[in-house]
């Protein structure tokens, strides 16, 4: 199932189109497209969209592997939801990164 969502950040950094997917317990792959500035931002935005859809988010846990494909050129990355949550809950290395994490946490909590 593919959902499309694109909300590029304002701030001078160019966003990339990212396709984020995960396989649920039944072996079904769920995919969403987002515009993001980083791997972690893409993962958060995708989780927010999966959460919004309801049925897809039910299969997401801390061990869920998220596959992030950046286009173009196509580059793929994987991380667990647990690693994403650890990064999101840690302090940013700069005021800008800390502000971004606060914004992303709020985005994930909205849904």
Protein backbone atom coordinates (compact mmCIF):
# COMPACT_ATOMS: atom_id res chain seq x y z
CA UNK A 1 0.00 0.00 0.00
CA UNK A 2 1.48 3.40 -0.96
CA UNK A 3 0.51 6.73 0.60
CA UNK A 4 1.94 10.01 -0.72
CA UNK A 5 2.85 12.94 1.52
CA UNK A 6 5.29 15.74 0.80
CA UNK A 7 6.01 18.56 3.23
CA UNK A 8 9.48 19.98 2.64
CA UNK A 9 11.12 21.90 5.45
CA UNK A 10 11.51 25.63 5.07
CA UNK A 11 14.98 26.73 5.94
CA UNK A 12 17.22 26.67 2.92
CA UNK A 13 18.06 22.96 2.97
CA UNK A 14 16.80 21.08 -0.03
CA UNK A 15 14.53 18.19 0.80
CA UNK A 16 14.76 14.84 -0.95
CA UNK A 17 11.89 12.58 -1.92
CA UNK A 18 12.08 9.50 0.31
CA UNK A 19 10.08 6.27 0.17
CA UNK A 20 9.85 4.69 3.64
CA UNK A 21 8.53 1.17 4.06
CA UNK A 22 8.21 -1.65 6.58
CA UNK A 23 6.95 -5.23 6.48
CA UNK A 24 4.25 -6.13 9.00
CA UNK A 25 3.81 -9.47 10.77
CA UNK A 26 1.68 -10.80 7.90
CA UNK A 27 4.45 -10.04 5.41
CA UNK A 28 2.67 -7.06 3.87
CA UNK A 29 4.93 -4.17 2.91
CA UNK A 30 3.59 -0.68 3.71
CA UNK A 31 5.18 2.31 1.95
CA UNK A 32 4.80 6.08 2.22
CA UNK A 33 6.55 8.87 0.28
CA UNK A 34 7.75 11.96 2.16
CA UNK A 35 10.07 14.90 1.54
CA UNK A 36 12.79 15.13 4.18
CA UNK A 37 16.20 16.61 4.92
CA UNK A 38 17.59 13.57 6.73
CA UNK A 39 17.16 9.84 7.27
CA UNK A 40 15.66 10.37 10.73
CA UNK A 41 13.30 13.09 9.57
CA UNK A 42 12.06 10.82 6.78
CA UNK A 43 11.48 8.04 9.32
CA UNK A 44 9.54 10.33 11.70
CA UNK A 45 7.38 11.78 8.93
CA UNK A 46 6.65 8.28 7.63
CA UNK A 47 5.73 6.99 11.09
CA UNK A 48 3.37 9.95 11.50
CA UNK A 49 1.69 9.03 8.21
CA UNK A 50 1.51 5.32 9.11
CA UNK A 51 0.02 6.32 12.47
CA UNK A 52 -2.55 8.49 10.70
CA UNK A 53 -3.64 5.54 8.56
CA UNK A 54 -4.26 3.48 11.71
CA UNK A 55 -4.20 -0.03 10.32
CA UNK A 56 -0.59 0.11 9.12
CA UNK A 57 0.73 1.58 12.38
CA UNK A 58 -0.65 -1.32 14.42
CA UNK A 59 2.20 -3.50 13.13
CA UNK A 60 4.96 -1.05 14.17
CA UNK A 61 7.11 -1.77 17.22
CA UNK A 62 10.59 -0.82 18.41
CA UNK A 63 12.14 -3.73 16.47
CA UNK A 64 10.35 -2.81 13.23
CA UNK A 65 12.90 -2.17 10.48
CA UNK A 66 12.18 0.91 8.39
CA UNK A 67 13.64 0.98 4.89
CA UNK A 68 14.29 4.51 3.60
CA UNK A 69 14.96 4.92 -0.13
CA UNK A 70 16.14 8.39 -1.19
CA UNK A 71 15.43 9.43 -4.78
CA UNK A 72 17.20 10.52 -7.02
CA UNK A 73 19.80 9.16 -7.10
CA UNK A 74 18.31 6.12 -5.41
CA UNK A 75 19.97 5.33 -2.08
CA UNK A 76 18.52 2.94 0.52
CA UNK A 77 18.98 2.92 4.32
CA UNK A 78 17.46 0.86 7.14
CA UNK A 79 16.97 1.59 10.84
CA UNK A 80 14.78 0.26 13.62
CA UNK A 81 11.98 2.27 15.18
CA UNK A 82 13.77 1.82 18.54
CA UNK A 83 16.92 3.50 17.19
CA UNK A 84 14.79 6.30 15.77
CA UNK A 85 13.07 6.81 19.14
CA UNK A 86 16.46 6.90 20.92
CA UNK A 87 17.73 9.56 18.49
CA UNK A 88 14.50 11.55 18.75
CA UNK A 89 14.62 11.55 22.57
CA UNK A 90 18.31 12.53 22.78
CA UNK A 91 19.54 16.12 22.94
CA UNK A 92 20.52 17.81 19.71
CA UNK A 93 24.16 18.67 19.08
CA UNK A 94 23.19 22.23 18.19
CA UNK A 95 20.24 24.52 18.92
CA UNK A 96 19.05 24.00 15.33
CA UNK A 97 19.12 20.19 15.68
CA UNK A 98 17.38 20.38 19.06
CA UNK A 99 14.63 22.56 17.58
CA UNK A 100 14.23 20.13 14.69
CA UNK A 101 13.87 17.19 17.12
CA UNK A 102 11.21 19.07 19.11
CA UNK A 103 9.30 19.75 15.88
CA UNK A 104 9.58 16.13 14.77
CA UNK A 105 8.45 14.81 18.18
CA UNK A 106 5.42 17.10 18.02
CA UNK A 107 4.69 15.91 14.49
CA UNK A 108 4.72 12.28 15.60
CA UNK A 109 2.53 13.02 18.64
CA UNK A 110 -0.11 14.94 16.60
CA UNK A 111 -1.51 11.80 15.02
